[in-house]
All heavy atoms as atom14 arrays in JSON, in Angstrom:
{
  "sequence": "ARSLGGVVLDPTTGKELFRALPLPATARR",
  "atom14_mask": [
    [1, 1, 1, 1, 1, 0, 0, 0, 0, 0, 0, 0, 0, 0],
    [1, 1, 1, 1, 1, 1, 1, 1, 1, 1, 1, 0, 0, 0],
    [1, 1, 1, 1, 1, 1, 0, 0, 0, 0, 0, 0, 0, 0],
    [1, 1, 1, 1, 1, 1, 1, 1, 0, 0, 0, 0, 0, 0],
    [1, 1, 1, 1, 0, 0, 0, 0, 0, 0, 0, 0, 0, 0],
    [1, 1, 1, 1, 0, 0, 0, 0, 0, 0, 0, 0, 0, 0],
    [1, 1, 1, 1, 1, 1, 1, 0, 0, 0, 0, 0, 0, 0],
    [1, 1, 1, 1, 1, 1, 1, 0, 0, 0, 0, 0, 0, 0],
    [1, 1, 1, 1, 1, 1, 1, 1, 0, 0, 0, 0, 0, 0],
    [1, 1, 1, 1, 1, 1, 1, 1, 0, 0, 0, 0, 0, 0],
    [1, 1, 1, 1, 1, 1, 1, 0, 0, 0, 0, 0, 0, 0],
    [1, 1, 1, 1, 1, 1, 1, 0, 0, 0, 0, 0, 0, 0],
    [1, 1, 1, 1, 1, 1, 1, 0, 0, 0, 0, 0, 0, 0],
    [1, 1, 1, 1, 0, 0, 0, 0, 0, 0, 0, 0, 0, 0],
    [1, 1, 1, 1, 1, 1, 1, 1, 1, 0, 0, 0, 0, 0],
    [1, 1, 1, 1, 1, 1, 1, 1, 1, 0, 0, 0, 0, 0],
    [1, 1, 1, 1, 1, 1, 1, 1, 0, 0, 0, 0, 0, 0],
    [1, 1, 1, 1, 1, 1, 1, 1, 1, 1, 1, 0, 0, 0],
    [1, 1, 1, 1, 1, 1, 1, 1, 1, 1, 1, 0, 0, 0],
    [1, 1, 1, 1, 1, 0, 0, 0, 0, 0, 0, 0, 0, 0],
    [1, 1, 1, 1, 1, 1, 1, 1, 0, 0, 0, 0, 0, 0],
    [1, 1, 1, 1, 1, 1, 1, 0, 0, 0, 0, 0, 0, 0],
    [1, 1, 1, 1, 1, 1, 1, 1, 0, 0, 0, 0, 0, 0],
    [1, 1, 1, 1, 1, 1, 1, 0, 0, 0, 0, 0, 0, 0],
    [1, 1, 1, 1, 1, 0, 0, 0, 0, 0, 0, 0, 0, 0],
    [1, 1, 1, 1, 1, 1, 1, 0, 0, 0, 0, 0, 0, 0],
    [1, 1, 1, 1, 1, 0, 0, 0, 0, 0, 0, 0, 0, 0],
    [1, 1, 1, 1, 1, 1, 1, 1, 1, 1, 1, 0, 0, 0],
    [1, 1, 1, 1, 1, 1, 1, 1, 1, 1, 1, 0, 0, 0]
  ],
  "atom14_positions": [
    [[12.41, -50.02, 6.09], [12.26, -48.59, 5.95], [11.06, -48.14, 6.78], [10.11, -48.88, 6.97], [12.05, -48.2, 4.48], [0.0, 0.0, 0.0], [0.0, 0.0, 0.0], [0.0, 0.0, 0.0], [0.0, 0.0, 0.0], [0.0, 0.0, 0.0], [0.0, 0.0, 0.0], [0.0, 0.0, 0.0], [0.0, 0.0, 0.0], [0.0, 0.0, 0.0]],
    [[11.11, -46.96, 7.32], [9.99, -46.45, 8.1], [9.48, -45.16, 7.49], [10.22, -44.43, 6.84], [10.41, -46.22, 9.57], [11.49, -45.17, 9.75], [11.96, -45.13, 11.2], [13.0, -44.13, 11.4], [12.77, -42.89, 11.76], [11.54, -42.48, 11.94], [13.77, -42.04, 11.94], [0.0, 0.0, 0.0], [0.0, 0.0, 0.0], [0.0, 0.0, 0.0]],
    [[8.2, -44.89, 7.72], [7.58, -43.71, 7.13], [7.36, -42.67, 8.21], [6.96, -42.97, 9.32], [6.25, -44.09, 6.48], [5.61, -42.95, 5.98], [0.0, 0.0, 0.0], [0.0, 0.0, 0.0], [0.0, 0.0, 0.0], [0.0, 0.0, 0.0], [0.0, 0.0, 0.0], [0.0, 0.0, 0.0], [0.0, 0.0, 0.0], [0.0, 0.0, 0.0]],
    [[7.62, -41.43, 7.89], [7.41, -40.32, 8.81], [6.74, -39.21, 8.01], [7.38, -38.59, 7.17], [8.74, -39.84, 9.39], [8.67, -38.68, 10.39], [7.88, -39.12, 11.63], [10.07, -38.25, 10.8], [0.0, 0.0, 0.0], [0.0, 0.0, 0.0], [0.0, 0.0, 0.0], [0.0, 0.0, 0.0], [0.0, 0.0, 0.0], [0.0, 0.0, 0.0]],
    [[5.45, -38.99, 8.29], [4.72, -38.02, 7.49], [4.64, -38.51, 6.07], [4.17, -39.58, 5.79], [0.0, 0.0, 0.0], [0.0, 0.0, 0.0], [0.0, 0.0, 0.0], [0.0, 0.0, 0.0], [0.0, 0.0, 0.0], [0.0, 0.0, 0.0], [0.0, 0.0, 0.0], [0.0, 0.0, 0.0], [0.0, 0.0, 0.0], [0.0, 0.0, 0.0]],
    [[5.16, -37.75, 5.13], [5.17, -38.16, 3.74], [6.53, -38.63, 3.29], [6.8, -38.68, 2.1], [0.0, 0.0, 0.0], [0.0, 0.0, 0.0], [0.0, 0.0, 0.0], [0.0, 0.0, 0.0], [0.0, 0.0, 0.0], [0.0, 0.0, 0.0], [0.0, 0.0, 0.0], [0.0, 0.0, 0.0], [0.0, 0.0, 0.0], [0.0, 0.0, 0.0]],
    [[7.42, -38.98, 4.25], [8.8, -39.33, 3.9], [9.12, -40.72, 4.41], [8.77, -41.08, 5.53], [9.79, -38.31, 4.52], [11.22, -38.65, 4.12], [9.43, -36.9, 4.1], [0.0, 0.0, 0.0], [0.0, 0.0, 0.0], [0.0, 0.0, 0.0], [0.0, 0.0, 0.0], [0.0, 0.0, 0.0], [0.0, 0.0, 0.0], [0.0, 0.0, 0.0]],
    [[9.77, -41.53, 3.61], [10.25, -42.85, 4.03], [11.73, -42.75, 4.31], [12.51, -42.3, 3.47], [9.98, -43.92, 2.95], [10.56, -45.25, 3.38], [8.49, -44.04, 2.72], [0.0, 0.0, 0.0], [0.0, 0.0, 0.0], [0.0, 0.0, 0.0], [0.0, 0.0, 0.0], [0.0, 0.0, 0.0], [0.0, 0.0, 0.0], [0.0, 0.0, 0.0]],
    [[12.15, -43.16, 5.53], [13.53, -43.03, 5.97], [14.17, -44.4, 6.19], [13.5, -45.35, 6.6], [13.59, -42.25, 7.3], [12.94, -40.86, 7.31], [13.02, -40.28, 8.72], [13.62, -39.94, 6.32], [0.0, 0.0, 0.0], [0.0, 0.0, 0.0], [0.0, 0.0, 0.0], [0.0, 0.0, 0.0], [0.0, 0.0, 0.0], [0.0, 0.0, 0.0]],
    [[15.45, -44.49, 5.91], [16.22, -45.68, 6.23], [16.4, -45.73, 7.74], [16.85, -44.75, 8.35], [17.58, -45.63, 5.54], [18.38, -46.9, 5.79], [18.93, -47.01, 6.91], [18.46, -47.73, 4.89], [0.0, 0.0, 0.0], [0.0, 0.0, 0.0], [0.0, 0.0, 0.0], [0.0, 0.0, 0.0], [0.0, 0.0, 0.0], [0.0, 0.0, 0.0]],
    [[16.07, -46.86, 8.42], [16.12, -46.89, 9.88], [17.52, -46.82, 10.45], [17.72, -46.44, 11.59], [15.45, -48.24, 10.2], [15.71, -49.07, 9.0], [15.65, -48.13, 7.84], [0.0, 0.0, 0.0], [0.0, 0.0, 0.0], [0.0, 0.0, 0.0], [0.0, 0.0, 0.0], [0.0, 0.0, 0.0], [0.0, 0.0, 0.0], [0.0, 0.0, 0.0]],
    [[18.52, -47.21, 9.65], [19.89, -47.22, 10.16], [20.57, -45.87, 10.0], [21.14, -45.32, 10.96], [20.71, -48.29, 9.41], [20.07, -49.55, 9.57], [22.11, -48.36, 9.97], [0.0, 0.0, 0.0], [0.0, 0.0, 0.0], [0.0, 0.0, 0.0], [0.0, 0.0, 0.0], [0.0, 0.0, 0.0], [0.0, 0.0, 0.0], [0.0, 0.0, 0.0]],
    [[20.48, -45.31, 8.81], [21.17, -44.06, 8.53], [20.29, -42.83, 8.7], [20.8, -41.72, 8.81], [21.71, -44.06, 7.09], [20.6, -44.11, 6.18], [22.59, -45.28, 6.86], [0.0, 0.0, 0.0], [0.0, 0.0, 0.0], [0.0, 0.0, 0.0], [0.0, 0.0, 0.0], [0.0, 0.0, 0.0], [0.0, 0.0, 0.0], [0.0, 0.0, 0.0]],
    [[18.96, -43.04, 8.69], [18.05, -41.9, 8.74], [17.96, -41.17, 7.42], [17.3, -40.14, 7.31], [0.0, 0.0, 0.0], [0.0, 0.0, 0.0], [0.0, 0.0, 0.0], [0.0, 0.0, 0.0], [0.0, 0.0, 0.0], [0.0, 0.0, 0.0], [0.0, 0.0, 0.0], [0.0, 0.0, 0.0], [0.0, 0.0, 0.0], [0.0, 0.0, 0.0]],
    [[18.59, -41.71, 6.38], [18.59, -41.07, 5.08], [17.22, -41.15, 4.44], [16.54, -42.16, 4.53], [19.63, -41.72, 4.16], [19.72, -41.1, 2.78], [20.77, -41.83, 1.94], [20.83, -41.25, 0.53], [21.82, -41.96, -0.31], [0.0, 0.0, 0.0], [0.0, 0.0, 0.0], [0.0, 0.0, 0.0], [0.0, 0.0, 0.0], [0.0, 0.0, 0.0]],
    [[16.81, -40.07, 3.79], [15.52, -40.04, 3.12], [15.55, -40.95, 1.9], [16.43, -40.85, 1.05], [15.18, -38.61, 2.7], [13.86, -38.47, 1.98], [13.58, -37.03, 1.58], [13.73, -36.15, 2.46], [13.23, -36.81, 0.42], [0.0, 0.0, 0.0], [0.0, 0.0, 0.0], [0.0, 0.0, 0.0], [0.0, 0.0, 0.0], [0.0, 0.0, 0.0]],
    [[14.59, -41.88, 1.82], [14.51, -42.8, 0.69], [13.45, -42.37, -0.32], [13.61, -42.55, -1.51], [14.18, -44.21, 1.19], [15.21, -44.87, 2.11], [14.72, -46.23, 2.55], [16.55, -44.99, 1.39], [0.0, 0.0, 0.0], [0.0, 0.0, 0.0], [0.0, 0.0, 0.0], [0.0, 0.0, 0.0], [0.0, 0.0, 0.0], [0.0, 0.0, 0.0]],
    [[12.35, -41.84, 0.16], [11.24, -41.49, -0.72], [10.45, -40.36, -0.09], [10.19, -40.37, 1.1], [10.33, -42.71, -0.93], [9.17, -42.45, -1.86], [9.3, -42.69, -3.21], [7.97, -41.97, -1.38], [8.23, -42.47, -4.07], [6.9, -41.74, -2.22], [7.03, -41.99, -3.57], [0.0, 0.0, 0.0], [0.0, 0.0, 0.0], [0.0, 0.0, 0.0]],
    [[10.06, -39.4, -0.88], [9.28, -38.27, -0.37], [8.04, -38.07, -1.23], [8.11, -38.05, -2.46], [10.12, -36.99, -0.38], [9.33, -35.74, 0.02], [10.21, -34.51, -0.01], [11.23, -34.57, 1.03], [11.04, -34.1, 2.25], [9.91, -33.54, 2.58], [12.01, -34.19, 3.15], [0.0, 0.0, 0.0], [0.0, 0.0, 0.0], [0.0, 0.0, 0.0]],
    [[6.9, -37.93, -0.56], [5.69, -37.52, -1.27], [5.67, -36.0, -1.3], [5.75, -35.35, -0.26], [4.45, -38.05, -0.54], [0.0, 0.0, 0.0], [0.0, 0.0, 0.0], [0.0, 0.0, 0.0], [0.0, 0.0, 0.0], [0.0, 0.0, 0.0], [0.0, 0.0, 0.0], [0.0, 0.0, 0.0], [0.0, 0.0, 0.0], [0.0, 0.0, 0.0]],
    [[5.62, -35.43, -2.47], [5.65, -33.97, -2.57], [4.47, -33.36, -1.84], [3.36, -33.89, -1.89], [5.61, -33.55, -4.05], [6.78, -34.01, -4.9], [6.61, -33.47, -6.31], [8.09, -33.54, -4.32], [0.0, 0.0, 0.0], [0.0, 0.0, 0.0], [0.0, 0.0, 0.0], [0.0, 0.0, 0.0], [0.0, 0.0, 0.0], [0.0, 0.0, 0.0]],
    [[4.64, -32.24, -1.16], [3.54, -31.65, -0.41], [2.56, -30.96, -1.32], [2.82, -30.7, -2.49], [4.26, -30.64, 0.49], [5.45, -30.23, -0.32], [5.89, -31.47, -1.05], [0.0, 0.0, 0.0], [0.0, 0.0, 0.0], [0.0, 0.0, 0.0], [0.0, 0.0, 0.0], [0.0, 0.0, 0.0], [0.0, 0.0, 0.0], [0.0, 0.0, 0.0]],
    [[1.41, -30.65, -0.77], [0.47, -29.79, -1.47], [1.1, -28.43, -1.69], [2.03, -28.05, -0.99], [-0.81, -29.62, -0.64], [-1.77, -30.8, -0.63], [-2.81, -30.56, 0.45], [-2.44, -30.96, -1.96], [0.0, 0.0, 0.0], [0.0, 0.0, 0.0], [0.0, 0.0, 0.0], [0.0, 0.0, 0.0], [0.0, 0.0, 0.0], [0.0, 0.0, 0.0]],
    [[0.59, -27.66, -2.67], [1.1, -26.3, -2.83], [0.93, -25.51, -1.55], [0.07, -25.81, -0.74], [0.24, -25.73, -3.97], [-0.96, -26.62, -4.02], [-0.49, -27.97, -3.6], [0.0, 0.0, 0.0], [0.0, 0.0, 0.0], [0.0, 0.0, 0.0], [0.0, 0.0, 0.0], [0.0, 0.0, 0.0], [0.0, 0.0, 0.0], [0.0, 0.0, 0.0]],
    [[1.75, -24.49, -1.38], [1.72, -23.71, -0.15], [0.38, -23.04, 0.06], [0.08, -22.57, 1.15], [2.82, -22.65, -0.18], [0.0, 0.0, 0.0], [0.0, 0.0, 0.0], [0.0, 0.0, 0.0], [0.0, 0.0, 0.0], [0.0, 0.0, 0.0], [0.0, 0.0, 0.0], [0.0, 0.0, 0.0], [0.0, 0.0, 0.0], [0.0, 0.0, 0.0]],
    [[-0.45, -23.01, -0.97], [-1.75, -22.36, -0.86], [-2.78, -23.24, -0.17], [-3.9, -22.82, 0.03], [-2.26, -22.01, -2.27], [-2.18, -23.18, -3.09], [-1.42, -20.93, -2.88], [0.0, 0.0, 0.0], [0.0, 0.0, 0.0], [0.0, 0.0, 0.0], [0.0, 0.0, 0.0], [0.0, 0.0, 0.0], [0.0, 0.0, 0.0], [0.0, 0.0, 0.0]],
    [[-2.44, -24.46, 0.16], [-3.41, -25.33, 0.82], [-2.71, -26.15, 1.88], [-1.69, -26.76, 1.63], [-4.06, -26.26, -0.2], [0.0, 0.0, 0.0], [0.0, 0.0, 0.0], [0.0, 0.0, 0.0], [0.0, 0.0, 0.0], [0.0, 0.0, 0.0], [0.0, 0.0, 0.0], [0.0, 0.0, 0.0], [0.0, 0.0, 0.0], [0.0, 0.0, 0.0]],
    [[-3.26, -26.14, 3.1], [-2.66, -26.91, 4.19], [-3.46, -28.2, 4.36], [-4.65, -28.25, 4.21], [-2.71, -26.12, 5.49], [-1.93, -24.83, 5.42], [-1.71, -24.23, 6.79], [-2.83, -24.43, 7.7], [-2.86, -23.93, 8.93], [-1.85, -23.22, 9.37], [-3.9, -24.13, 9.72], [0.0, 0.0, 0.0], [0.0, 0.0, 0.0], [0.0, 0.0, 0.0]],
    [[-2.74, -29.27, 4.72], [-3.41, -30.55, 4.94], [-2.48, -31.43, 5.75], [-1.3, -31.49, 5.5], [-3.72, -31.21, 3.6], [-4.25, -32.64, 3.7], [-4.66, -33.1, 2.3], [-5.02, -34.5, 2.29], [-4.17, -35.47, 1.95], [-2.93, -35.18, 1.61], [-4.54, -36.72, 1.95], [0.0, 0.0, 0.0], [0.0, 0.0, 0.0], [0.0, 0.0, 0.0]]
  ]
}
């Protein structure tokens, strides 16, 4: 599996496996 930003993707299908929820829209990071 590979990580892109806060998301882990399956390398073959590109399907999202795991997502880290973002900060609230009130804060950018």
